[in-house]
All heavy atoms as atom14 arrays in JSON, in Angstrom:
{
  "sequence": "RPDGPTVGELFSAAARRGVVVKGLIWRSHFDKLQYSAEENRN",
  "atom14_mask": [
    [1, 1, 1, 1, 1, 1, 1, 1, 1, 1, 1, 0, 0, 0],
    [1, 1, 1, 1, 1, 1, 1, 0, 0, 0, 0, 0, 0, 0],
    [1, 1, 1, 1, 1, 1, 1, 1, 0, 0, 0, 0, 0, 0],
    [1, 1, 1, 1, 0, 0, 0, 0, 0, 0, 0, 0, 0, 0],
    [1, 1, 1, 1, 1, 1, 1, 0, 0, 0, 0, 0, 0, 0],
    [1, 1, 1, 1, 1, 1, 1, 0, 0, 0, 0, 0, 0, 0],
    [1, 1, 1, 1, 1, 1, 1, 0, 0, 0, 0, 0, 0, 0],
    [1, 1, 1, 1, 0, 0, 0, 0, 0, 0, 0, 0, 0, 0],
    [1, 1, 1, 1, 1, 1, 1, 1, 1, 0, 0, 0, 0, 0],
    [1, 1, 1, 1, 1, 1, 1, 1, 0, 0, 0, 0, 0, 0],
    [1, 1, 1, 1, 1, 1, 1, 1, 1, 1, 1, 0, 0, 0],
    [1, 1, 1, 1, 1, 1, 0, 0, 0, 0, 0, 0, 0, 0],
    [1, 1, 1, 1, 1, 0, 0, 0, 0, 0, 0, 0, 0, 0],
    [1, 1, 1, 1, 1, 0, 0, 0, 0, 0, 0, 0, 0, 0],
    [1, 1, 1, 1, 1, 0, 0, 0, 0, 0, 0, 0, 0, 0],
    [1, 1, 1, 1, 1, 1, 1, 1, 1, 1, 1, 0, 0, 0],
    [1, 1, 1, 1, 1, 1, 1, 1, 1, 1, 1, 0, 0, 0],
    [1, 1, 1, 1, 0, 0, 0, 0, 0, 0, 0, 0, 0, 0],
    [1, 1, 1, 1, 1, 1, 1, 0, 0, 0, 0, 0, 0, 0],
    [1, 1, 1, 1, 1, 1, 1, 0, 0, 0, 0, 0, 0, 0],
    [1, 1, 1, 1, 1, 1, 1, 0, 0, 0, 0, 0, 0, 0],
    [1, 1, 1, 1, 1, 1, 1, 1, 1, 0, 0, 0, 0, 0],
    [1, 1, 1, 1, 0, 0, 0, 0, 0, 0, 0, 0, 0, 0],
    [1, 1, 1, 1, 1, 1, 1, 1, 0, 0, 0, 0, 0, 0],
    [1, 1, 1, 1, 1, 1, 1, 1, 0, 0, 0, 0, 0, 0],
    [1, 1, 1, 1, 1, 1, 1, 1, 1, 1, 1, 1, 1, 1],
    [1, 1, 1, 1, 1, 1, 1, 1, 1, 1, 1, 0, 0, 0],
    [1, 1, 1, 1, 1, 1, 0, 0, 0, 0, 0, 0, 0, 0],
    [1, 1, 1, 1, 1, 1, 1, 1, 1, 1, 0, 0, 0, 0],
    [1, 1, 1, 1, 1, 1, 1, 1, 1, 1, 1, 0, 0, 0],
    [1, 1, 1, 1, 1, 1, 1, 1, 0, 0, 0, 0, 0, 0],
    [1, 1, 1, 1, 1, 1, 1, 1, 1, 0, 0, 0, 0, 0],
    [1, 1, 1, 1, 1, 1, 1, 1, 0, 0, 0, 0, 0, 0],
    [1, 1, 1, 1, 1, 1, 1, 1, 1, 0, 0, 0, 0, 0],
    [1, 1, 1, 1, 1, 1, 1, 1, 1, 1, 1, 1, 0, 0],
    [1, 1, 1, 1, 1, 1, 0, 0, 0, 0, 0, 0, 0, 0],
    [1, 1, 1, 1, 1, 0, 0, 0, 0, 0, 0, 0, 0, 0],
    [1, 1, 1, 1, 1, 1, 1, 1, 1, 0, 0, 0, 0, 0],
    [1, 1, 1, 1, 1, 1, 1, 1, 1, 0, 0, 0, 0, 0],
    [1, 1, 1, 1, 1, 1, 1, 1, 0, 0, 0, 0, 0, 0],
    [1, 1, 1, 1, 1, 1, 1, 1, 1, 1, 1, 0, 0, 0],
    [1, 1, 1, 1, 1, 1, 1, 1, 0, 0, 0, 0, 0, 0]
  ],
  "atom14_positions": [
    [[127.99, 67.5, 104.46], [129.34, 66.97, 104.22], [129.72, 66.13, 105.43], [129.09, 66.28, 106.5], [130.34, 68.1, 103.99], [130.17, 68.85, 102.67], [131.08, 70.07, 102.6], [131.03, 70.71, 101.29], [131.51, 71.91, 101.03], [132.08, 72.63, 102.01], [131.44, 72.42, 99.81], [0.0, 0.0, 0.0], [0.0, 0.0, 0.0], [0.0, 0.0, 0.0]],
    [[130.72, 65.28, 105.32], [131.06, 64.42, 106.47], [131.28, 65.18, 107.77], [130.89, 64.7, 108.84], [132.33, 63.7, 106.0], [132.21, 63.65, 104.51], [131.52, 64.94, 104.12], [0.0, 0.0, 0.0], [0.0, 0.0, 0.0], [0.0, 0.0, 0.0], [0.0, 0.0, 0.0], [0.0, 0.0, 0.0], [0.0, 0.0, 0.0], [0.0, 0.0, 0.0]],
    [[131.89, 66.35, 107.69], [132.15, 67.16, 108.88], [131.2, 68.35, 109.01], [131.48, 69.31, 109.74], [133.61, 67.65, 108.87], [134.61, 66.51, 108.89], [134.34, 65.51, 109.58], [135.65, 66.62, 108.21], [0.0, 0.0, 0.0], [0.0, 0.0, 0.0], [0.0, 0.0, 0.0], [0.0, 0.0, 0.0], [0.0, 0.0, 0.0], [0.0, 0.0, 0.0]],
    [[130.09, 68.29, 108.3], [129.13, 69.4, 108.33], [129.43, 70.43, 107.27], [130.38, 70.29, 106.49], [0.0, 0.0, 0.0], [0.0, 0.0, 0.0], [0.0, 0.0, 0.0], [0.0, 0.0, 0.0], [0.0, 0.0, 0.0], [0.0, 0.0, 0.0], [0.0, 0.0, 0.0], [0.0, 0.0, 0.0], [0.0, 0.0, 0.0], [0.0, 0.0, 0.0]],
    [[128.6, 71.44, 107.16], [127.52, 71.79, 108.08], [126.29, 70.91, 107.92], [126.15, 70.19, 106.93], [127.2, 73.24, 107.68], [127.47, 73.25, 106.19], [128.67, 72.37, 106.01], [0.0, 0.0, 0.0], [0.0, 0.0, 0.0], [0.0, 0.0, 0.0], [0.0, 0.0, 0.0], [0.0, 0.0, 0.0], [0.0, 0.0, 0.0], [0.0, 0.0, 0.0]],
    [[125.4, 70.98, 108.89], [124.1, 70.34, 108.77], [123.16, 71.24, 107.98], [123.48, 72.41, 107.7], [123.49, 70.08, 110.15], [123.21, 71.35, 110.78], [124.44, 69.27, 111.04], [0.0, 0.0, 0.0], [0.0, 0.0, 0.0], [0.0, 0.0, 0.0], [0.0, 0.0, 0.0], [0.0, 0.0, 0.0], [0.0, 0.0, 0.0], [0.0, 0.0, 0.0]],
    [[122.0, 70.71, 107.61], [121.0, 71.52, 106.91], [120.64, 72.74, 107.76], [120.61, 73.88, 107.26], [119.75, 70.68, 106.61], [118.64, 71.56, 106.03], [120.07, 69.54, 105.66], [0.0, 0.0, 0.0], [0.0, 0.0, 0.0], [0.0, 0.0, 0.0], [0.0, 0.0, 0.0], [0.0, 0.0, 0.0], [0.0, 0.0, 0.0], [0.0, 0.0, 0.0]],
    [[120.35, 72.5, 109.04], [119.99, 73.62, 109.91], [121.1, 74.64, 110.05], [120.86, 75.85, 110.02], [0.0, 0.0, 0.0], [0.0, 0.0, 0.0], [0.0, 0.0, 0.0], [0.0, 0.0, 0.0], [0.0, 0.0, 0.0], [0.0, 0.0, 0.0], [0.0, 0.0, 0.0], [0.0, 0.0, 0.0], [0.0, 0.0, 0.0], [0.0, 0.0, 0.0]],
    [[122.34, 74.18, 110.2], [123.46, 75.1, 110.34], [123.67, 75.93, 109.08], [123.95, 77.14, 109.15], [124.74, 74.32, 110.67], [124.74, 73.73, 112.08], [125.86, 72.73, 112.3], [126.49, 72.3, 111.3], [126.1, 72.35, 113.46], [0.0, 0.0, 0.0], [0.0, 0.0, 0.0], [0.0, 0.0, 0.0], [0.0, 0.0, 0.0], [0.0, 0.0, 0.0]],
    [[123.55, 75.31, 107.91], [123.76, 76.02, 106.65], [122.73, 77.12, 106.47], [123.07, 78.28, 106.16], [123.7, 75.04, 105.48], [123.95, 75.64, 104.1], [125.41, 76.07, 103.93], [123.55, 74.66, 102.98], [0.0, 0.0, 0.0], [0.0, 0.0, 0.0], [0.0, 0.0, 0.0], [0.0, 0.0, 0.0], [0.0, 0.0, 0.0], [0.0, 0.0, 0.0]],
    [[121.46, 76.8, 106.67], [120.41, 77.78, 106.44], [120.39, 78.84, 107.54], [120.14, 80.02, 107.28], [119.05, 77.09, 106.34], [118.86, 76.3, 105.06], [117.7, 75.57, 104.84], [119.84, 76.26, 104.09], [117.5, 74.85, 103.68], [119.67, 75.53, 102.92], [118.5, 74.82, 102.71], [0.0, 0.0, 0.0], [0.0, 0.0, 0.0], [0.0, 0.0, 0.0]],
    [[120.66, 78.44, 108.78], [120.68, 79.41, 109.88], [121.83, 80.39, 109.72], [121.68, 81.6, 109.96], [120.78, 78.68, 111.21], [119.6, 77.96, 111.49], [0.0, 0.0, 0.0], [0.0, 0.0, 0.0], [0.0, 0.0, 0.0], [0.0, 0.0, 0.0], [0.0, 0.0, 0.0], [0.0, 0.0, 0.0], [0.0, 0.0, 0.0], [0.0, 0.0, 0.0]],
    [[123.0, 79.89, 109.31], [124.14, 80.78, 109.09], [123.85, 81.78, 107.99], [124.23, 82.96, 108.07], [125.39, 79.96, 108.76], [0.0, 0.0, 0.0], [0.0, 0.0, 0.0], [0.0, 0.0, 0.0], [0.0, 0.0, 0.0], [0.0, 0.0, 0.0], [0.0, 0.0, 0.0], [0.0, 0.0, 0.0], [0.0, 0.0, 0.0], [0.0, 0.0, 0.0]],
    [[123.17, 81.33, 106.94], [122.79, 82.25, 105.87], [121.86, 83.33, 106.4], [122.01, 84.53, 106.09], [122.13, 81.48, 104.72], [0.0, 0.0, 0.0], [0.0, 0.0, 0.0], [0.0, 0.0, 0.0], [0.0, 0.0, 0.0], [0.0, 0.0, 0.0], [0.0, 0.0, 0.0], [0.0, 0.0, 0.0], [0.0, 0.0, 0.0], [0.0, 0.0, 0.0]],
    [[120.88, 82.95, 107.22], [119.95, 83.93, 107.78], [120.69, 84.93, 108.66], [120.39, 86.14, 108.63], [118.86, 83.21, 108.56], [0.0, 0.0, 0.0], [0.0, 0.0, 0.0], [0.0, 0.0, 0.0], [0.0, 0.0, 0.0], [0.0, 0.0, 0.0], [0.0, 0.0, 0.0], [0.0, 0.0, 0.0], [0.0, 0.0, 0.0], [0.0, 0.0, 0.0]],
    [[121.65, 84.47, 109.44], [122.41, 85.39, 110.3], [123.23, 86.38, 109.48], [123.49, 87.5, 109.93], [123.33, 84.6, 111.23], [122.58, 83.84, 112.33], [123.54, 83.38, 113.43], [124.57, 82.48, 112.92], [124.44, 81.16, 112.85], [123.31, 80.57, 113.23], [125.43, 80.41, 112.39], [0.0, 0.0, 0.0], [0.0, 0.0, 0.0], [0.0, 0.0, 0.0]],
    [[123.65, 85.99, 108.27], [124.4, 86.91, 107.4], [123.49, 87.92, 106.73], [123.98, 88.8, 106.0], [125.17, 86.12, 106.32], [126.27, 85.24, 106.84], [127.21, 84.8, 105.71], [126.55, 84.17, 104.6], [126.28, 82.86, 104.51], [126.6, 82.05, 105.52], [125.68, 82.36, 103.45], [0.0, 0.0, 0.0], [0.0, 0.0, 0.0], [0.0, 0.0, 0.0]],
    [[122.19, 87.8, 106.89], [121.26, 88.72, 106.26], [120.62, 88.19, 105.0], [119.9, 88.93, 104.31], [0.0, 0.0, 0.0], [0.0, 0.0, 0.0], [0.0, 0.0, 0.0], [0.0, 0.0, 0.0], [0.0, 0.0, 0.0], [0.0, 0.0, 0.0], [0.0, 0.0, 0.0], [0.0, 0.0, 0.0], [0.0, 0.0, 0.0], [0.0, 0.0, 0.0]],
    [[120.84, 86.92, 104.68], [120.15, 86.3, 103.55], [118.68, 86.11, 103.93], [118.35, 85.74, 105.06], [120.78, 84.94, 103.19], [120.01, 84.25, 102.08], [122.24, 85.14, 102.8], [0.0, 0.0, 0.0], [0.0, 0.0, 0.0], [0.0, 0.0, 0.0], [0.0, 0.0, 0.0], [0.0, 0.0, 0.0], [0.0, 0.0, 0.0], [0.0, 0.0, 0.0]],
    [[117.78, 86.4, 103.0], [116.35, 86.2, 103.22], [116.06, 84.71, 103.04], [116.09, 84.2, 101.91], [115.5, 87.04, 102.26], [114.01, 86.79, 102.5], [115.84, 88.51, 102.4], [0.0, 0.0, 0.0], [0.0, 0.0, 0.0], [0.0, 0.0, 0.0], [0.0, 0.0, 0.0], [0.0, 0.0, 0.0], [0.0, 0.0, 0.0], [0.0, 0.0, 0.0]],
    [[115.81, 84.0, 104.13], [115.58, 82.55, 104.09], [114.11, 82.28, 104.34], [113.56, 82.64, 105.4], [116.45, 81.82, 105.14], [116.17, 80.32, 105.12], [117.93, 82.09, 104.89], [0.0, 0.0, 0.0], [0.0, 0.0, 0.0], [0.0, 0.0, 0.0], [0.0, 0.0, 0.0], [0.0, 0.0, 0.0], [0.0, 0.0, 0.0], [0.0, 0.0, 0.0]],
    [[113.45, 81.66, 103.37], [112.04, 81.31, 103.47], [111.87, 79.86, 103.01], [112.42, 79.46, 101.98], [111.17, 82.21, 102.59], [111.33, 83.71, 102.85], [110.7, 84.13, 104.16], [110.75, 85.65, 104.35], [110.19, 86.06, 105.65], [0.0, 0.0, 0.0], [0.0, 0.0, 0.0], [0.0, 0.0, 0.0], [0.0, 0.0, 0.0], [0.0, 0.0, 0.0]],
    [[111.09, 79.1, 103.77], [110.9, 77.7, 103.41], [109.48, 77.23, 103.68], [108.79, 77.72, 104.58], [0.0, 0.0, 0.0], [0.0, 0.0, 0.0], [0.0, 0.0, 0.0], [0.0, 0.0, 0.0], [0.0, 0.0, 0.0], [0.0, 0.0, 0.0], [0.0, 0.0, 0.0], [0.0, 0.0, 0.0], [0.0, 0.0, 0.0], [0.0, 0.0, 0.0]],
    [[109.04, 76.26, 102.88], [107.77, 75.58, 103.05], [108.04, 74.08, 103.13], [108.59, 73.5, 102.19], [106.82, 75.87, 101.89], [106.25, 77.29, 101.79], [105.57, 77.49, 100.44], [105.26, 77.56, 102.93], [0.0, 0.0, 0.0], [0.0, 0.0, 0.0], [0.0, 0.0, 0.0], [0.0, 0.0, 0.0], [0.0, 0.0, 0.0], [0.0, 0.0, 0.0]],
    [[107.67, 73.47, 104.24], [107.84, 72.03, 104.4], [106.47, 71.42, 104.68], [105.65, 72.0, 105.41], [108.8, 71.69, 105.56], [110.12, 72.44, 105.4], [109.06, 70.2, 105.63], [111.1, 72.15, 106.51], [0.0, 0.0, 0.0], [0.0, 0.0, 0.0], [0.0, 0.0, 0.0], [0.0, 0.0, 0.0], [0.0, 0.0, 0.0], [0.0, 0.0, 0.0]],
    [[106.23, 70.27, 104.11], [104.97, 69.6, 104.34], [104.74, 69.37, 105.83], [105.62, 68.85, 106.52], [104.96, 68.26, 103.59], [103.74, 67.42, 103.86], [102.44, 67.83, 103.88], [103.73, 66.02, 104.13], [101.61, 66.78, 104.15], [102.37, 65.65, 104.3], [104.71, 65.04, 104.24], [101.99, 64.34, 104.58], [104.33, 63.73, 104.5], [102.98, 63.39, 104.67]],
    [[103.57, 69.74, 106.29], [103.19, 69.42, 107.66], [102.65, 67.99, 107.64], [101.48, 67.74, 107.36], [102.13, 70.38, 108.16], [101.78, 70.11, 109.62], [100.78, 71.11, 110.16], [100.77, 71.07, 111.61], [100.62, 72.12, 112.38], [100.49, 73.32, 111.83], [100.6, 72.0, 113.68], [0.0, 0.0, 0.0], [0.0, 0.0, 0.0], [0.0, 0.0, 0.0]],
    [[103.5, 67.05, 107.95], [103.19, 65.64, 107.71], [102.39, 65.04, 108.84], [102.11, 65.67, 109.86], [104.49, 64.85, 107.54], [105.17, 64.76, 108.76], [0.0, 0.0, 0.0], [0.0, 0.0, 0.0], [0.0, 0.0, 0.0], [0.0, 0.0, 0.0], [0.0, 0.0, 0.0], [0.0, 0.0, 0.0], [0.0, 0.0, 0.0], [0.0, 0.0, 0.0]],
    [[102.05, 63.77, 108.64], [101.37, 63.01, 109.67], [102.36, 62.71, 110.8], [103.54, 63.0, 110.72], [100.82, 61.71, 109.07], [100.09, 61.94, 107.79], [98.99, 62.75, 107.71], [100.32, 61.49, 106.53], [98.54, 62.77, 106.47], [99.34, 62.02, 105.74], [0.0, 0.0, 0.0], [0.0, 0.0, 0.0], [0.0, 0.0, 0.0], [0.0, 0.0, 0.0]],
    [[101.88, 62.08, 111.84], [102.72, 61.81, 112.99], [103.83, 60.83, 112.65], [103.7, 59.97, 111.79], [101.88, 61.25, 114.14], [100.85, 62.2, 114.64], [99.5, 61.95, 114.46], [101.22, 63.37, 115.28], [98.54, 62.84, 114.92], [100.27, 64.27, 115.74], [98.93, 63.99, 115.55], [0.0, 0.0, 0.0], [0.0, 0.0, 0.0], [0.0, 0.0, 0.0]],
    [[104.96, 60.94, 113.39], [106.07, 60.03, 113.18], [105.69, 58.58, 113.43], [106.35, 57.67, 112.94], [107.25, 60.4, 114.09], [108.11, 61.48, 113.47], [108.12, 61.57, 112.24], [108.77, 62.21, 114.21], [0.0, 0.0, 0.0], [0.0, 0.0, 0.0], [0.0, 0.0, 0.0], [0.0, 0.0, 0.0], [0.0, 0.0, 0.0], [0.0, 0.0, 0.0]],
    [[104.64, 58.33, 114.22], [104.21, 56.96, 114.44], [103.79, 56.3, 113.13], [103.75, 55.08, 113.02], [103.05, 56.92, 115.45], [103.48, 57.28, 116.87], [102.3, 57.23, 117.82], [102.73, 57.59, 119.24], [101.58, 57.59, 120.18], [0.0, 0.0, 0.0], [0.0, 0.0, 0.0], [0.0, 0.0, 0.0], [0.0, 0.0, 0.0], [0.0, 0.0, 0.0]],
    [[103.44, 57.1, 112.14], [103.11, 56.56, 110.82], [104.33, 56.6, 109.9], [104.2, 56.48, 108.69], [101.96, 57.38, 110.19], [100.65, 57.34, 110.97], [99.61, 58.21, 110.27], [100.14, 55.92, 111.13], [0.0, 0.0, 0.0], [0.0, 0.0, 0.0], [0.0, 0.0, 0.0], [0.0, 0.0, 0.0], [0.0, 0.0, 0.0], [0.0, 0.0, 0.0]],
    [[105.51, 56.74, 110.46], [106.78, 56.74, 109.74], [106.89, 57.91, 108.78], [107.49, 57.81, 107.72], [106.99, 55.41, 108.99], [107.22, 54.23, 109.94], [107.69, 53.0, 109.22], [107.22, 52.69, 108.12], [108.6, 52.28, 109.82], [0.0, 0.0, 0.0], [0.0, 0.0, 0.0], [0.0, 0.0, 0.0], [0.0, 0.0, 0.0], [0.0, 0.0, 0.0]],
    [[106.3, 59.06, 109.14], [106.53, 60.27, 108.39], [107.42, 61.19, 109.21], [108.23, 60.73, 109.98], [105.2, 60.9, 107.97], [104.49, 60.09, 106.92], [103.32, 59.4, 107.21], [105.02, 59.98, 105.64], [102.68, 58.64, 106.23], [104.39, 59.23, 104.67], [103.22, 58.56, 104.97], [102.61, 57.82, 104.01], [0.0, 0.0, 0.0], [0.0, 0.0, 0.0]],
    [[107.25, 62.47, 109.1], [108.34, 63.35, 109.57], [107.84, 64.64, 110.22], [108.42, 65.69, 110.04], [109.23, 63.7, 108.38], [108.47, 63.97, 107.23], [0.0, 0.0, 0.0], [0.0, 0.0, 0.0], [0.0, 0.0, 0.0], [0.0, 0.0, 0.0], [0.0, 0.0, 0.0], [0.0, 0.0, 0.0], [0.0, 0.0, 0.0], [0.0, 0.0, 0.0]],
    [[106.77, 64.55, 111.0], [106.21, 65.75, 111.61], [107.22, 66.43, 112.53], [107.43, 67.65, 112.47], [104.94, 65.41, 112.38], [0.0, 0.0, 0.0], [0.0, 0.0, 0.0], [0.0, 0.0, 0.0], [0.0, 0.0, 0.0], [0.0, 0.0, 0.0], [0.0, 0.0, 0.0], [0.0, 0.0, 0.0], [0.0, 0.0, 0.0], [0.0, 0.0, 0.0]],
    [[107.84, 65.66, 113.42], [108.75, 66.26, 114.4], [109.97, 66.87, 113.75], [110.4, 67.97, 114.09], [109.17, 65.19, 115.42], [110.06, 65.74, 116.53], [110.42, 64.69, 117.56], [109.83, 63.6, 117.51], [111.29, 64.98, 118.41], [0.0, 0.0, 0.0], [0.0, 0.0, 0.0], [0.0, 0.0, 0.0], [0.0, 0.0, 0.0], [0.0, 0.0, 0.0]],
    [[110.57, 66.16, 112.77], [111.78, 66.67, 112.11], [111.49, 67.98, 111.37], [112.28, 68.93, 111.42], [112.33, 65.62, 111.14], [112.96, 64.42, 111.8], [111.94, 63.39, 112.28], [110.73, 63.63, 112.07], [112.34, 62.38, 112.88], [0.0, 0.0, 0.0], [0.0, 0.0, 0.0], [0.0, 0.0, 0.0], [0.0, 0.0, 0.0], [0.0, 0.0, 0.0]],
    [[110.35, 68.04, 110.66], [110.02, 69.26, 109.93], [109.8, 70.43, 110.88], [110.21, 71.56, 110.61], [108.79, 69.02, 109.05], [109.09, 68.1, 107.89], [110.25, 67.75, 107.65], [108.06, 67.68, 107.17], [0.0, 0.0, 0.0], [0.0, 0.0, 0.0], [0.0, 0.0, 0.0], [0.0, 0.0, 0.0], [0.0, 0.0, 0.0], [0.0, 0.0, 0.0]],
    [[109.14, 70.18, 111.99], [108.92, 71.25, 112.97], [110.26, 71.73, 113.55], [110.48, 72.93, 113.73], [107.99, 70.76, 114.09], [107.67, 71.83, 115.12], [106.7, 71.3, 116.16], [105.42, 70.98, 115.57], [104.46, 71.87, 115.34], [104.66, 73.15, 115.65], [103.31, 71.51, 114.83], [0.0, 0.0, 0.0], [0.0, 0.0, 0.0], [0.0, 0.0, 0.0]],
    [[111.17, 70.8, 113.81], [112.46, 71.18, 114.37], [113.26, 72.05, 113.41], [113.91, 73.02, 113.83], [113.27, 69.92, 114.72], [112.7, 69.19, 115.92], [111.92, 69.75, 116.68], [113.09, 67.94, 116.09], [0.0, 0.0, 0.0], [0.0, 0.0, 0.0], [0.0, 0.0, 0.0], [0.0, 0.0, 0.0], [0.0, 0.0, 0.0], [0.0, 0.0, 0.0]]
  ]
}
């Protein structure tokens, strides 16, 4: 939303409340190839 939360804040807050949060993100090629390795790791 314009004032948040961010994706990380939304999912992290859910985990802190005791929600079981599990995710699978593609382990992509390096950002030098215009993909998203660093963002997914973060």
